[in-house]
Amino acid sequence: MSRFSKPVLSVQDVIQSLHKAVYYQDIELILKLWLDEDNISYIDVNGKIAKGAAQIKYAFDEIQQNNVIPLYHEIVNTNIHSLIGGMLVETIEAVKYNPAENNADYYIHASYILLQTHIGWKFLRIHFSKANDQDVSYENCIDSNLIKIKIGLH
């Protein structure tokens, strides 16, 4: 590998980077994971829609200001759909205020749409919504690197 080349992150790495950035409240990293386009969008668990980088930054700034305790995401179940030049990843995620706890504070259904660019995978859309208890199934987890991602808290 050339000394000038950078490793390209996989889809799993990009989603894990988002989870780390949310946990550490790193707004700049969150924004670096998105496409540099006006049509990007984010829908939070309360249904608020943010379109474009400025609104997405404001949405995550608002989350940072309202959540004194950082949020920890653990993927419980996933479904991956491959598209030409893109990927749709649907997950059920356990959201915890304390990563040491076994039980989740609540669960979310997350839909991530990523596009492959010349510099790697970038988010086009993220949609979070509260998951019902019947959506959460640990038995149906497929053996994948994306399942049960644990964020390395160093």
Protein backbone atom coordinates (compact mmCIF):
# COMPACT_ATOMS: atom_id res chain seq x y z
CA MET A 1 0.00 0.00 0.00
CA SER A 2 1.28 3.42 -0.92
CA ARG A 3 2.20 5.72 1.93
CA PHE A 4 -0.33 8.18 0.50
CA SER A 5 -3.29 5.79 0.42
CA LYS A 6 -5.85 5.67 3.19
CA PRO A 7 -7.75 2.54 4.17
CA VAL A 8 -11.41 2.66 3.15
CA LEU A 9 -13.86 1.98 5.98
CA SER A 10 -16.41 -0.79 5.55
CA VAL A 11 -20.13 -0.17 6.08
CA GLN A 12 -19.82 -1.80 9.50
CA ASP A 13 -16.91 0.50 10.38
CA VAL A 14 -18.89 3.59 9.36
CA ILE A 15 -21.88 2.58 11.51
CA GLN A 16 -19.59 1.75 14.41
CA SER A 17 -17.87 5.14 13.97
CA LEU A 18 -21.28 6.83 14.16
CA HIS A 19 -22.06 4.97 17.41
CA LYS A 20 -18.68 5.99 18.86
CA ALA A 21 -19.19 9.59 17.79
CA VAL A 22 -22.64 9.67 19.41
CA TYR A 23 -21.25 8.13 22.61
CA TYR A 24 -18.35 10.58 22.78
CA GLN A 25 -20.56 13.45 21.52
CA ASP A 26 -18.10 14.16 18.67
CA ILE A 27 -20.22 16.31 16.33
CA GLU A 28 -17.34 16.85 13.87
CA LEU A 29 -16.85 13.08 13.40
CA ILE A 30 -20.60 12.61 12.98
CA LEU A 31 -20.60 15.17 10.15
CA LYS A 32 -17.53 13.64 8.44
CA LEU A 33 -19.48 10.37 8.04
CA TRP A 34 -22.13 12.00 5.83
CA LEU A 35 -22.10 12.75 2.11
CA ASP A 36 -21.29 16.35 1.28
CA GLU A 37 -24.68 17.01 -0.34
CA ASP A 38 -27.75 19.11 0.39
CA ASN A 39 -30.16 16.15 0.19
CA ILE A 40 -28.80 14.19 3.18
CA SER A 41 -31.33 13.66 5.96
CA TYR A 42 -31.69 12.42 9.51
CA ILE A 43 -34.91 11.53 11.34
CA ASP A 44 -34.62 11.13 15.12
CA VAL A 45 -36.67 8.82 17.37
CA ASN A 46 -39.20 11.61 17.97
CA GLY A 47 -39.81 12.09 14.23
CA LYS A 48 -37.90 15.37 13.85
CA ILE A 49 -36.46 15.69 10.35
CA ALA A 50 -33.12 17.36 9.61
CA LYS A 51 -32.11 17.99 5.98
CA GLY A 52 -28.66 19.06 4.93
CA ALA A 53 -25.44 19.31 6.92
CA ALA A 54 -26.39 22.47 8.85
CA GLN A 55 -29.69 21.00 10.14
CA ILE A 56 -28.04 17.65 10.94
CA LYS A 57 -25.32 19.45 12.91
CA TYR A 58 -28.02 21.38 14.77
CA ALA A 59 -29.94 18.13 15.51
CA PHE A 60 -26.88 16.42 16.99
CA ASP A 61 -25.89 19.61 18.87
CA GLU A 62 -29.39 19.56 20.37
CA ILE A 63 -29.01 15.88 21.35
CA GLN A 64 -25.67 16.71 22.96
CA GLN A 65 -27.20 19.59 24.93
CA ASN A 66 -30.26 17.61 26.06
CA ASN A 67 -28.49 14.37 27.00
CA VAL A 68 -26.22 14.91 29.94
CA ILE A 69 -25.27 11.23 29.75
CA PRO A 70 -23.87 9.95 26.43
CA LEU A 71 -25.82 7.22 24.66
CA TYR A 72 -24.35 3.78 23.99
CA HIS A 73 -25.74 1.73 21.07
CA GLU A 74 -25.49 -2.06 20.80
CA ILE A 75 -26.81 -3.70 17.65
CA VAL A 76 -29.14 -6.58 18.50
CA ASN A 77 -30.32 -7.59 15.03
CA THR A 78 -29.53 -6.54 11.49
CA ASN A 79 -30.70 -6.91 7.93
CA ILE A 80 -28.44 -5.76 5.08
CA HIS A 81 -29.63 -5.00 1.55
CA SER A 82 -26.99 -4.47 -1.10
CA LEU A 83 -27.66 -1.96 -3.87
CA ILE A 84 -25.54 -0.92 -6.83
CA GLY A 85 -23.20 1.65 -5.28
CA GLY A 86 -25.16 1.66 -2.04
CA MET A 87 -26.24 -0.25 1.02
CA LEU A 88 -29.39 -0.26 3.15
CA VAL A 89 -28.75 -1.47 6.68
CA GLU A 90 -31.70 -2.01 9.03
CA THR A 91 -30.95 -2.69 12.67
CA ILE A 92 -32.60 -3.08 16.02
CA GLU A 93 -30.37 -1.38 18.58
CA ALA A 94 -30.32 -1.45 22.34
CA VAL A 95 -29.74 2.09 23.63
CA LYS A 96 -28.15 2.38 27.04
CA TYR A 97 -27.13 5.26 29.23
CA ASN A 98 -24.58 2.99 30.93
CA PRO A 99 -22.67 0.51 28.74
CA ALA A 100 -21.98 -1.72 31.76
CA GLU A 101 -25.70 -2.42 32.18
CA ASN A 102 -27.11 -5.63 30.68
CA ASN A 103 -30.58 -4.24 30.02
CA ALA A 104 -31.34 -1.54 27.49
CA ASP A 105 -33.03 1.68 28.52
CA TYR A 106 -34.97 1.44 25.24
CA TYR A 107 -34.69 -0.06 21.74
CA ILE A 108 -34.67 1.65 18.38
CA HIS A 109 -35.18 0.55 14.81
CA ALA A 110 -32.49 2.19 12.68
CA SER A 111 -32.35 2.45 8.91
CA TYR A 112 -29.05 3.53 7.42
CA ILE A 113 -28.68 4.28 3.71
CA LEU A 114 -25.05 4.58 2.67
CA LEU A 115 -23.52 5.35 -0.72
CA GLN A 116 -20.07 4.32 -1.84
CA THR A 117 -17.91 7.25 -2.87
CA HIS A 118 -14.34 7.54 -4.07
CA ILE A 119 -13.29 7.99 -0.43
CA GLY A 120 -15.47 5.24 1.06
CA TRP A 121 -18.96 4.73 2.46
CA LYS A 122 -20.94 7.81 3.52
CA PHE A 123 -24.41 8.25 5.00
CA LEU A 124 -27.18 9.57 2.78
CA ARG A 125 -30.07 8.95 5.21
CA ILE A 126 -30.47 7.80 8.81
CA HIS A 127 -33.88 7.13 10.30
CA PHE A 128 -34.33 6.17 13.96
CA SER A 129 -37.66 5.16 15.47
CA LYS A 130 -38.64 3.49 18.73
CA ALA A 131 -38.80 -0.30 18.39
CA ASN A 132 -41.57 -2.38 19.90
CA ASP A 133 -40.69 -5.25 22.24
CA GLN A 134 -41.80 -7.76 19.58
CA ASP A 135 -39.20 -6.28 17.17
CA VAL A 136 -36.38 -7.21 19.55
CA SER A 137 -35.20 -10.77 19.07
CA TYR A 138 -31.81 -11.98 20.21
CA GLU A 139 -32.54 -15.47 18.83
CA ASN A 140 -32.70 -14.25 15.23
CA CYS A 141 -29.26 -12.66 15.20
CA ILE A 142 -27.21 -13.82 12.26
CA ASP A 143 -23.51 -14.39 12.72
CA SER A 144 -22.02 -11.21 11.29
CA ASN A 145 -19.41 -8.65 12.24
CA LEU A 146 -22.22 -6.09 12.35
CA ILE A 147 -24.16 -7.97 15.03
CA LYS A 148 -23.63 -6.90 18.62
CA ILE A 149 -21.03 -4.28 17.85
CA LYS A 150 -19.36 -3.33 21.09
CA ILE A 151 -17.74 0.05 21.13
CA GLY A 152 -14.22 -0.14 22.50
CA LEU A 153 -14.24 2.44 25.27
CA HIS A 154 -10.59 3.13 25.97
